[in-house]
Amino acid sequence: MAISTEIHNTGDPAGHAEITAAIEHVLSDRAGDWRVSIIGSQANDQWQLTVHGPNGFERSYMLDGAAGEHQPAAIRVLLERMLPAKSAFSN
């Protein structure tokens, strides 16, 4: 199992470690390789969250800063909701 994260253009380099830790916490006990990217926009307060996982799993979500979705805890909760049941990728 591998977890890869990319975070760009969020305007908060110091917060990257906390966000990465939240992502790794959610994915750490899941089978397969996972790739998560968060790309910020210079035009507005929205970040594009994209998750790629095993068996062709892919989901995207726009994180709205005004709604508090840029916080590590909010990202963790959203990831938990986006992902399939843990048993879906078990062998």
PDB file of N, CA and C in Angstrom:
ATOM      1  N   MET A   1       0.834  -1.172   0.000  1.00  0.00           N
ATOM      2  CA  MET A   1       0.000   0.000   0.000  1.00  0.00           C
ATOM      3  C   MET A   1       0.880   1.237   0.000  1.00  0.00           C
ATOM      4  N   ALA A   2       0.514   2.201  -0.831  1.00  0.00           N
ATOM      5  CA  ALA A   2       1.226   3.472  -0.880  1.00  0.00           C
ATOM      6  C   ALA A   2       0.213   4.607  -0.925  1.00  0.00           C
ATOM      7  N   ILE A   3       0.588   5.707  -0.286  1.00  0.00           N
ATOM      8  CA  ILE A   3      -0.244   6.903  -0.300  1.00  0.00           C
ATOM      9  C   ILE A   3       0.621   8.049  -0.805  1.00  0.00           C
ATOM     10  N   SER A   4       0.163   8.682  -1.866  1.00  0.00           N
ATOM     11  CA  SER A   4       0.879   9.813  -2.446  1.00  0.00           C
ATOM     12  C   SER A   4      -0.026  11.036  -2.377  1.00  0.00           C
ATOM     13  N   THR A   5       0.517  12.146  -1.889  1.00  0.00           N
ATOM     14  CA  THR A   5      -0.267  13.380  -1.837  1.00  0.00           C
ATOM     15  C   THR A   5       0.476  14.512  -2.546  1.00  0.00           C
ATOM     16  N   GLU A   6      -0.294  15.357  -3.201  1.00  0.00           N
ATOM     17  CA  GLU A   6       0.220  16.572  -3.832  1.00  0.00           C
ATOM     18  C   GLU A   6      -0.691  17.711  -3.410  1.00  0.00           C
ATOM     19  N   ILE A   7      -0.077  18.819  -2.995  1.00  0.00           N
ATOM     20  CA  ILE A   7      -0.850  19.992  -2.616  1.00  0.00           C
ATOM     21  C   ILE A   7      -0.173  21.198  -3.257  1.00  0.00           C
ATOM     22  N   HIS A   8      -0.919  21.925  -4.090  1.00  0.00           N
ATOM     23  CA  HIS A   8      -0.365  23.056  -4.828  1.00  0.00           C
ATOM     24  C   HIS A   8      -1.309  24.256  -4.791  1.00  0.00           C
ATOM     25  N   ASN A   9      -0.728  25.441  -4.801  1.00  0.00           N
ATOM     26  CA  ASN A   9      -1.470  26.701  -4.945  1.00  0.00           C
ATOM     27  C   ASN A   9      -2.562  26.908  -3.904  1.00  0.00           C
ATOM     28  N   THR A  10      -2.305  26.473  -2.681  1.00  0.00           N
ATOM     29  CA  THR A  10      -3.318  26.650  -1.641  1.00  0.00           C
ATOM     30  C   THR A  10      -3.100  27.917  -0.832  1.00  0.00           C
ATOM     31  N   GLY A  11      -1.934  28.538  -0.988  1.00  0.00           N
ATOM     32  CA  GLY A  11      -1.648  29.755  -0.249  1.00  0.00           C
ATOM     33  C   GLY A  11      -1.299  29.524   1.200  1.00  0.00           C
ATOM     34  N   ASP A  12      -1.146  28.270   1.609  1.00  0.00           N
ATOM     35  CA  ASP A  12      -0.845  27.950   3.006  1.00  0.00           C
ATOM     36  C   ASP A  12       0.157  26.801   3.088  1.00  0.00           C
ATOM     37  N   PRO A  13       1.408  27.028   2.718  1.00  0.00           N
ATOM     38  CA  PRO A  13       2.404  25.947   2.752  1.00  0.00           C
ATOM     39  C   PRO A  13       2.570  25.337   4.142  1.00  0.00           C
ATOM     40  N   ALA A  14       2.395  26.111   5.194  1.00  0.00           N
ATOM     41  CA  ALA A  14       2.550  25.588   6.552  1.00  0.00           C
ATOM     42  C   ALA A  14       1.460  24.565   6.887  1.00  0.00           C
ATOM     43  N   GLY A  15       0.297  24.703   6.275  1.00  0.00           N
ATOM     44  CA  GLY A  15      -0.808  23.778   6.538  1.00  0.00           C
ATOM     45  C   GLY A  15      -0.727  22.466   5.779  1.00  0.00           C
ATOM     46  N   HIS A  16       0.198  22.363   4.839  1.00  0.00           N
ATOM     47  CA  HIS A  16       0.310  21.148   4.033  1.00  0.00           C
ATOM     48  C   HIS A  16       0.572  19.912   4.883  1.00  0.00           C
ATOM     49  N   ALA A  17       1.421  20.023   5.892  1.00  0.00           N
ATOM     50  CA  ALA A  17       1.742  18.864   6.736  1.00  0.00           C
ATOM     51  C   ALA A  17       0.508  18.358   7.472  1.00  0.00           C
ATOM     52  N   GLU A  18      -0.308  19.263   7.989  1.00  0.00           N
ATOM     53  CA  GLU A  18      -1.526  18.858   8.694  1.00  0.00           C
ATOM     54  C   GLU A  18      -2.528  18.212   7.748  1.00  0.00           C
ATOM     55  N   ILE A  19      -2.670  18.764   6.558  1.00  0.00           N
ATOM     56  CA  ILE A  19      -3.592  18.197   5.573  1.00  0.00           C
ATOM     57  C   ILE A  19      -3.104  16.821   5.143  1.00  0.00           C
ATOM     58  N   THR A  20      -1.803  16.695   4.889  1.00  0.00           N
ATOM     59  CA  THR A  20      -1.230  15.402   4.502  1.00  0.00           C
ATOM     60  C   THR A  20      -1.451  14.370   5.599  1.00  0.00           C
ATOM     61  N   ALA A  21      -1.260  14.755   6.847  1.00  0.00           N
ATOM     62  CA  ALA A  21      -1.478  13.832   7.968  1.00  0.00           C
ATOM     63  C   ALA A  21      -2.937  13.376   8.029  1.00  0.00           C
ATOM     64  N   ALA A  22      -3.872  14.293   7.781  1.00  0.00           N
ATOM     65  CA  ALA A  22      -5.299  13.933   7.793  1.00  0.00           C
ATOM     66  C   ALA A  22      -5.612  12.936   6.683  1.00  0.00           C
ATOM     67  N   ILE A  23      -5.055  13.168   5.498  1.00  0.00           N
ATOM     68  CA  ILE A  23      -5.264  12.264   4.363  1.00  0.00           C
ATOM     69  C   ILE A  23      -4.685  10.887   4.670  1.00  0.00           C
ATOM     70  N   GLU A  24      -3.464  10.862   5.180  1.00  0.00           N
ATOM     71  CA  GLU A  24      -2.813   9.586   5.494  1.00  0.00           C
ATOM     72  C   GLU A  24      -3.563   8.844   6.591  1.00  0.00           C
ATOM     73  N   HIS A  25      -4.138   9.559   7.543  1.00  0.00           N
ATOM     74  CA  HIS A  25      -4.913   8.925   8.608  1.00  0.00           C
ATOM     75  C   HIS A  25      -6.111   8.162   8.032  1.00  0.00           C
ATOM     76  N   VAL A  26      -6.802   8.776   7.094  1.00  0.00           N
ATOM     77  CA  VAL A  26      -7.983   8.148   6.497  1.00  0.00           C
ATOM     78  C   VAL A  26      -7.599   6.929   5.654  1.00  0.00           C
ATOM     79  N   LEU A  27      -6.503   7.039   4.906  1.00  0.00           N
ATOM     80  CA  LEU A  27      -6.148   5.995   3.944  1.00  0.00           C
ATOM     81  C   LEU A  27      -5.204   4.926   4.486  1.00  0.00           C
ATOM     82  N   SER A  28      -4.649   5.113   5.667  1.00  0.00           N
ATOM     83  CA  SER A  28      -3.589   4.240   6.166  1.00  0.00           C
ATOM     84  C   SER A  28      -3.989   2.776   6.316  1.00  0.00           C
ATOM     85  N   ASP A  29      -5.230   2.497   6.592  1.00  0.00           N
ATOM     86  CA  ASP A  29      -5.640   1.103   6.768  1.00  0.00           C
ATOM     87  C   ASP A  29      -6.415   0.558   5.565  1.00  0.00           C
ATOM     88  N   ARG A  30      -6.292   1.229   4.443  1.00  0.00           N
ATOM     89  CA  ARG A  30      -6.968   0.774   3.220  1.00  0.00           C
ATOM     90  C   ARG A  30      -5.976   0.100   2.294  1.00  0.00           C
ATOM     91  N   ALA A  31      -6.414  -0.953   1.673  1.00  0.00           N
ATOM     92  CA  ALA A  31      -5.561  -1.704   0.748  1.00  0.00           C
ATOM     93  C   ALA A  31      -5.362  -0.932  -0.548  1.00  0.00           C
ATOM     94  N   GLY A  32      -4.265  -1.201  -1.221  1.00  0.00           N
ATOM     95  CA  GLY A  32      -4.022  -0.616  -2.536  1.00  0.00           C
ATOM     96  C   GLY A  32      -3.249   0.688  -2.477  1.00  0.00           C
ATOM     97  N   ASP A  33      -2.963   1.185  -3.657  1.00  0.00           N
ATOM     98  CA  ASP A  33      -2.241   2.447  -3.794  1.00  0.00           C
ATOM     99  C   ASP A  33      -3.238   3.591  -3.957  1.00  0.00           C
ATOM    100  N   TRP A  34      -2.984   4.684  -3.268  1.00  0.00           N
ATOM    101  CA  TRP A  34      -3.863   5.839  -3.278  1.00  0.00           C
ATOM    102  C   TRP A  34      -3.075   7.091  -3.646  1.00  0.00           C
ATOM    103  N   ARG A  35      -3.694   7.931  -4.461  1.00  0.00           N
ATOM    104  CA  ARG A  35      -3.082   9.195  -4.871  1.00  0.00           C
ATOM    105  C   ARG A  35      -4.115  10.298  -4.653  1.00  0.00           C
ATOM    106  N   VAL A  36      -3.726  11.309  -3.880  1.00  0.00           N
ATOM    107  CA  VAL A  36      -4.634  12.408  -3.555  1.00  0.00           C
ATOM    108  C   VAL A  36      -3.963  13.719  -3.955  1.00  0.00           C
ATOM    109  N   SER A  37      -4.694  14.553  -4.663  1.00  0.00           N
ATOM    110  CA  SER A  37      -4.157  15.866  -5.012  1.00  0.00           C
ATOM    111  C   SER A  37      -5.152  16.941  -4.602  1.00  0.00           C
ATOM    112  N   ILE A  38      -4.590  18.054  -4.147  1.00  0.00           N
ATOM    113  CA  ILE A  38      -5.379  19.239  -3.834  1.00  0.00           C
ATOM    114  C   ILE A  38      -4.729  20.390  -4.587  1.00  0.00           C
ATOM    115  N   ILE A  39      -5.497  20.995  -5.455  1.00  0.00           N
ATOM    116  CA  ILE A  39      -5.001  22.098  -6.277  1.00  0.00           C
ATOM    117  C   ILE A  39      -5.861  23.329  -5.997  1.00  0.00           C
ATOM    118  N   GLY A  40      -5.220  24.386  -5.549  1.00  0.00           N
ATOM    119  CA  GLY A  40      -5.926  25.627  -5.263  1.00  0.00           C
ATOM    120  C   GLY A  40      -6.108  26.470  -6.509  1.00  0.00           C
ATOM    121  N   SER A  41      -6.985  27.431  -6.407  1.00  0.00           N
ATOM    122  CA  SER A  41      -7.258  28.351  -7.509  1.00  0.00           C
ATOM    123  C   SER A  41      -6.811  29.751  -7.121  1.00  0.00           C
ATOM    124  N   GLN A  42      -6.216  30.443  -8.057  1.00  0.00           N
ATOM    125  CA  GLN A  42      -5.855  31.838  -7.813  1.00  0.00           C
ATOM    126  C   GLN A  42      -7.051  32.753  -8.042  1.00  0.00           C
ATOM    127  N   ALA A  43      -8.092  32.247  -8.673  1.00  0.00           N
ATOM    128  CA  ALA A  43      -9.262  33.051  -9.009  1.00  0.00           C
ATOM    129  C   ALA A  43     -10.302  33.101  -7.892  1.00  0.00           C
ATOM    130  N   ASN A  44     -10.314  32.078  -7.022  1.00  0.00           N
ATOM    131  CA  ASN A  44     -11.336  32.038  -5.981  1.00  0.00           C
ATOM    132  C   ASN A  44     -10.836  31.248  -4.777  1.00  0.00           C
ATOM    133  N   ASP A  45     -11.715  30.982  -3.841  1.00  0.00           N
ATOM    134  CA  ASP A  45     -11.362  30.302  -2.589  1.00  0.00           C
ATOM    135  C   ASP A  45     -11.731  28.821  -2.633  1.00  0.00           C
ATOM    136  N   GLN A  46     -11.600  28.210  -3.800  1.00  0.00           N
ATOM    137  CA  GLN A  46     -11.942  26.797  -3.926  1.00  0.00           C
ATOM    138  C   GLN A  46     -10.702  25.985  -4.285  1.00  0.00           C
ATOM    139  N   TRP A  47     -10.630  24.784  -3.718  1.00  0.00           N
ATOM    140  CA  TRP A  47      -9.559  23.843  -4.010  1.00  0.00           C
ATOM    141  C   TRP A  47     -10.181  22.598  -4.628  1.00  0.00           C
ATOM    142  N   GLN A  48      -9.529  22.045  -5.635  1.00  0.00           N
ATOM    143  CA  GLN A  48      -9.980  20.802  -6.269  1.00  0.00           C
ATOM    144  C   GLN A  48      -9.312  19.628  -5.560  1.00  0.00           C
ATOM    145  N   LEU A  49     -10.097  18.779  -4.940  1.00  0.00           N
ATOM    146  CA  LEU A  49      -9.612  17.560  -4.291  1.00  0.00           C
ATOM    147  C   LEU A  49      -9.898  16.395  -5.227  1.00  0.00           C
ATOM    148  N   THR A  50      -8.865  15.644  -5.584  1.00  0.00           N
ATOM    149  CA  THR A  50      -9.036  14.481  -6.455  1.00  0.00           C
ATOM    150  C   THR A  50      -8.398  13.273  -5.783  1.00  0.00           C
ATOM    151  N   VAL A  51      -9.117  12.158  -5.788  1.00  0.00           N
ATOM    152  CA  VAL A  51      -8.646  10.928  -5.165  1.00  0.00           C
ATOM    153  C   VAL A  51      -8.649   9.819  -6.211  1.00  0.00           C
ATOM    154  N   HIS A  52      -7.508   9.145  -6.356  1.00  0.00           N
ATOM    155  CA  HIS A  52      -7.380   7.966  -7.225  1.00  0.00           C
ATOM    156  C   HIS A  52      -6.993   6.790  -6.348  1.00  0.00           C
ATOM    157  N   GLY A  53      -7.653   5.652  -6.563  1.00  0.00           N
ATOM    158  CA  GLY A  53      -7.361   4.471  -5.767  1.00  0.00           C
ATOM    159  C   GLY A  53      -7.371   3.212  -6.606  1.00  0.00           C
ATOM    160  N   PRO A  54      -7.334   2.073  -5.942  1.00  0.00           N
ATOM    161  CA  PRO A  54      -7.308   0.792  -6.652  1.00  0.00           C
ATOM    162  C   PRO A  54      -8.594   0.543  -7.442  1.00  0.00           C
ATOM    163  N   ASN A  55      -8.495  -0.364  -8.394  1.00  0.00           N
ATOM    164  CA  ASN A  55      -9.647  -0.776  -9.203  1.00  0.00           C
ATOM    165  C   ASN A  55     -10.297   0.387  -9.949  1.00  0.00           C
ATOM    166  N   GLY A  56      -9.500   1.371 -10.353  1.00  0.00           N
ATOM    167  CA  GLY A  56     -10.019   2.494 -11.117  1.00  0.00           C
ATOM    168  C   GLY A  56     -10.824   3.502 -10.320  1.00  0.00           C
ATOM    169  N   PHE A  57     -10.735   3.448  -9.000  1.00  0.00           N
ATOM    170  CA  PHE A  57     -11.488   4.385  -8.157  1.00  0.00           C
ATOM    171  C   PHE A  57     -11.000   5.811  -8.417  1.00  0.00           C
ATOM    172  N   GLU A  58     -11.932   6.737  -8.661  1.00  0.00           N
ATOM    173  CA  GLU A  58     -11.598   8.149  -8.832  1.00  0.00           C
ATOM    174  C   GLU A  58     -12.788   8.996  -8.405  1.00  0.00           C
ATOM    175  N   ARG A  59     -12.498   9.982  -7.568  1.00  0.00           N
ATOM    176  CA  ARG A  59     -13.522  10.924  -7.130  1.00  0.00           C
ATOM    177  C   ARG A  59     -12.900  12.315  -7.071  1.00  0.00           C
ATOM    178  N   SER A  60     -13.740  13.325  -7.311  1.00  0.00           N
ATOM    179  CA  SER A  60     -13.304  14.716  -7.207  1.00  0.00           C
ATOM    180  C   SER A  60     -14.333  15.494  -6.403  1.00  0.00           C
ATOM    181  N   TYR A  61     -13.843  16.545  -5.748  1.00  0.00           N
ATOM    182  CA  TYR A  61     -14.717  17.383  -4.937  1.00  0.00           C
ATOM    183  C   TYR A  61     -14.099  18.769  -4.868  1.00  0.00           C
ATOM    184  N   MET A  62     -14.920  19.805  -4.901  1.00  0.00           N
ATOM    185  CA  MET A  62     -14.448  21.175  -4.738  1.00  0.00           C
ATOM    186  C   MET A  62     -14.561  21.548  -3.263  1.00  0.00           C
ATOM    187  N   LEU A  63     -13.420  21.876  -2.663  1.00  0.00           N
ATOM    188  CA  LEU A  63     -13.385  22.294  -1.266  1.00  0.00           C
ATOM    189  C   LEU A  63     -13.572  23.812  -1.205  1.00  0.00           C
ATOM    190  N   ASP A  64     -14.586  24.257  -0.500  1.00  0.00           N
ATOM    191  CA  ASP A  64     -14.918  25.682  -0.406  1.00  0.00           C
ATOM    192  C   ASP A  64     -14.361  26.256   0.892  1.00  0.00           C
ATOM    193  N   GLY A  65     -13.432  27.177   0.766  1.00  0.00           N
ATOM    194  CA  GLY A  65     -12.808  27.782   1.939  1.00  0.00           C
ATOM    195  C   GLY A  65     -13.798  28.521   2.809  1.00  0.00           C
ATOM    196  N   ALA A  66     -14.770  29.199   2.215  1.00  0.00           N
ATOM    197  CA  ALA A  66     -15.762  29.953   2.978  1.00  0.00           C
ATOM    198  C   ALA A  66     -16.628  29.032   3.842  1.00  0.00           C
ATOM    199  N   ALA A  67     -16.743  27.771   3.439  1.00  0.00           N
ATOM    200  CA  ALA A  67     -17.534  26.796   4.192  1.00  0.00           C
ATOM    201  C   ALA A  67     -16.678  26.018   5.189  1.00  0.00           C
ATOM    202  N   GLY A  68     -15.402  26.404   5.335  1.00  0.00           N
ATOM    203  CA  GLY A  68     -14.512  25.733   6.285  1.00  0.00           C
ATOM    204  C   GLY A  68     -13.914  24.444   5.772  1.00  0.00           C
ATOM    205  N   GLU A  69     -14.057  24.168   4.477  1.00  0.00           N
ATOM    206  CA  GLU A  69     -13.598  22.892   3.929  1.00  0.00           C
ATOM    207  C   GLU A  69     -12.094  22.843   3.650  1.00  0.00           C
ATOM    208  N   HIS A  70     -11.357  23.905   3.960  1.00  0.00           N
ATOM    209  CA  HIS A  70      -9.897  23.883   3.799  1.00  0.00           C
ATOM    210  C   HIS A  70      -9.203  23.387   5.065  1.00  0.00           C
ATOM    211  N   GLN A  71      -9.957  23.157   6.111  1.00  0.00           N
ATOM    212  CA  GLN A  71      -9.392  22.693   7.378  1.00  0.00           C
ATOM    213  C   GLN A  71      -9.090  21.194   7.303  1.00  0.00           C
ATOM    214  N   PRO A  72      -7.963  20.761   7.886  1.00  0.00           N
ATOM    215  CA  PRO A  72      -7.608  19.331   7.840  1.00  0.00           C
ATOM    216  C   PRO A  72      -8.728  18.411   8.347  1.00  0.00           C
ATOM    217  N   ALA A  73      -9.400  18.785   9.425  1.00  0.00           N
ATOM    218  CA  ALA A  73     -10.475  17.935   9.960  1.00  0.00           C
ATOM    219  C   ALA A  73     -11.630  17.813   8.972  1.00  0.00           C
ATOM    220  N   ALA A  74     -11.961  18.899   8.287  1.00  0.00           N
ATOM    221  CA  ALA A  74     -13.046  18.859   7.295  1.00  0.00           C
ATOM    222  C   ALA A  74     -12.647  17.994   6.105  1.00  0.00           C
ATOM    223  N   ILE A  75     -11.397  18.087   5.682  1.00  0.00           N
ATOM    224  CA  ILE A  75     -10.915  17.267   4.567  1.00  0.00           C
ATOM    225  C   ILE A  75     -10.963  15.795   4.955  1.00  0.00           C
ATOM    226  N   ARG A  76     -10.583  15.476   6.182  1.00  0.00           N
ATOM    227  CA  ARG A  76     -10.633  14.085   6.667  1.00  0.00           C
ATOM    228  C   ARG A  76     -12.055  13.549   6.605  1.00  0.00           C
ATOM    229  N   VAL A  77     -13.022  14.311   7.090  1.00  0.00           N
ATOM    230  CA  VAL A  77     -14.426  13.880   7.089  1.00  0.00           C
ATOM    231  C   VAL A  77     -14.926  13.689   5.656  1.00  0.00           C
ATOM    232  N   LEU A  78     -14.607  14.614   4.768  1.00  0.00           N
ATOM    233  CA  LEU A  78     -15.030  14.493   3.369  1.00  0.00           C
ATOM    234  C   LEU A  78     -14.433  13.249   2.715  1.00  0.00           C
ATOM    235  N   LEU A  79     -13.151  12.995   2.959  1.00  0.00           N
ATOM    236  CA  LEU A  79     -12.526  11.796   2.396  1.00  0.00           C
ATOM    237  C   LEU A  79     -13.222  10.533   2.884  1.00  0.00           C
ATOM    238  N   GLU A  80     -13.514  10.474   4.171  1.00  0.00           N
ATOM    239  CA  GLU A  80     -14.186   9.294   4.722  1.00  0.00           C
ATOM    240  C   GLU A  80     -15.533   9.056   4.044  1.00  0.00           C
ATOM    241  N   ARG A  81     -16.229  10.129   3.706  1.00  0.00           N
ATOM    242  CA  ARG A  81     -17.530  10.007   3.040  1.00  0.00           C
ATOM    243  C   ARG A  81     -17.393   9.625   1.571  1.00  0.00           C
ATOM    244  N   MET A  82     -16.320  10.080   0.922  1.00  0.00           N
ATOM    245  CA  MET A  82     -16.123   9.835  -0.514  1.00  0.00           C
ATOM    246  C   MET A  82     -15.715   8.394  -0.807  1.00  0.00           C
ATOM    247  N   LEU A  83     -15.014   7.786   0.126  1.00  0.00           N
ATOM    248  CA  LEU A  83     -14.423   6.479  -0.133  1.00  0.00           C
ATOM    249  C   LEU A  83     -15.435   5.353   0.008  1.00  0.00           C
ATOM    250  N   PRO A  84     -15.223   4.275  -0.745  1.00  0.00           N
ATOM    251  CA  PRO A  84     -16.104   3.114  -0.605  1.00  0.00           C
ATOM    252  C   PRO A  84     -15.845   2.423   0.731  1.00  0.00           C
ATOM    253  N   ALA A  85     -16.721   1.528   1.091  1.00  0.00           N
ATOM    254  CA  ALA A  85     -16.517   0.746   2.303  1.00  0.00           C
ATOM    255  C   ALA A  85     -15.160   0.057   2.250  1.00  0.00           C
ATOM    256  N   LYS A  86     -14.520  -0.080   3.382  1.00  0.00           N
ATOM    257  CA  LYS A  86     -13.179  -0.676   3.428  1.00  0.00           C
ATOM    258  C   LYS A  86     -13.151  -2.069   2.816  1.00  0.00           C
ATOM    259  N   SER A  87     -14.217  -2.806   2.938  1.00  0.00           N
ATOM    260  CA  SER A  87     -14.244  -4.166   2.402  1.00  0.00           C
ATOM    261  C   SER A  87     -14.301  -4.206   0.881  1.00  0.00           C
ATOM    262  N   ALA A  88     -14.619  -3.085   0.243  1.00  0.00           N
ATOM    263  CA  ALA A  88     -14.761  -3.054  -1.216  1.00  0.00           C
ATOM    264  C   ALA A  88     -13.462  -3.374  -1.935  1.00  0.00           C
ATOM    265  N   PHE A  89     -12.305  -3.103  -1.311  1.00  0.00           N
ATOM    266  CA  PHE A  89     -11.022  -3.361  -1.949  1.00  0.00           C
ATOM    267  C   PHE A  89     -10.242  -4.468  -1.253  1.00  0.00           C
ATOM    268  N   SER A  90     -10.876  -5.182  -0.367  1.00  0.00           N
ATOM    269  CA  SER A  90     -10.188  -6.290   0.310  1.00  0.00           C
ATOM    270  C   SER A  90     -10.029  -7.470  -0.628  1.00  0.00           C
ATOM    271  N   ASN A  91      -8.983  -8.219  -0.398  1.00  0.00           N
ATOM    272  CA  ASN A  91      -8.766  -9.441  -1.200  1.00  0.00           C
ATOM    273  C   ASN A  91      -9.092 -10.663  -0.405  1.00  0.00           C
TER     274      ASN A  91
END
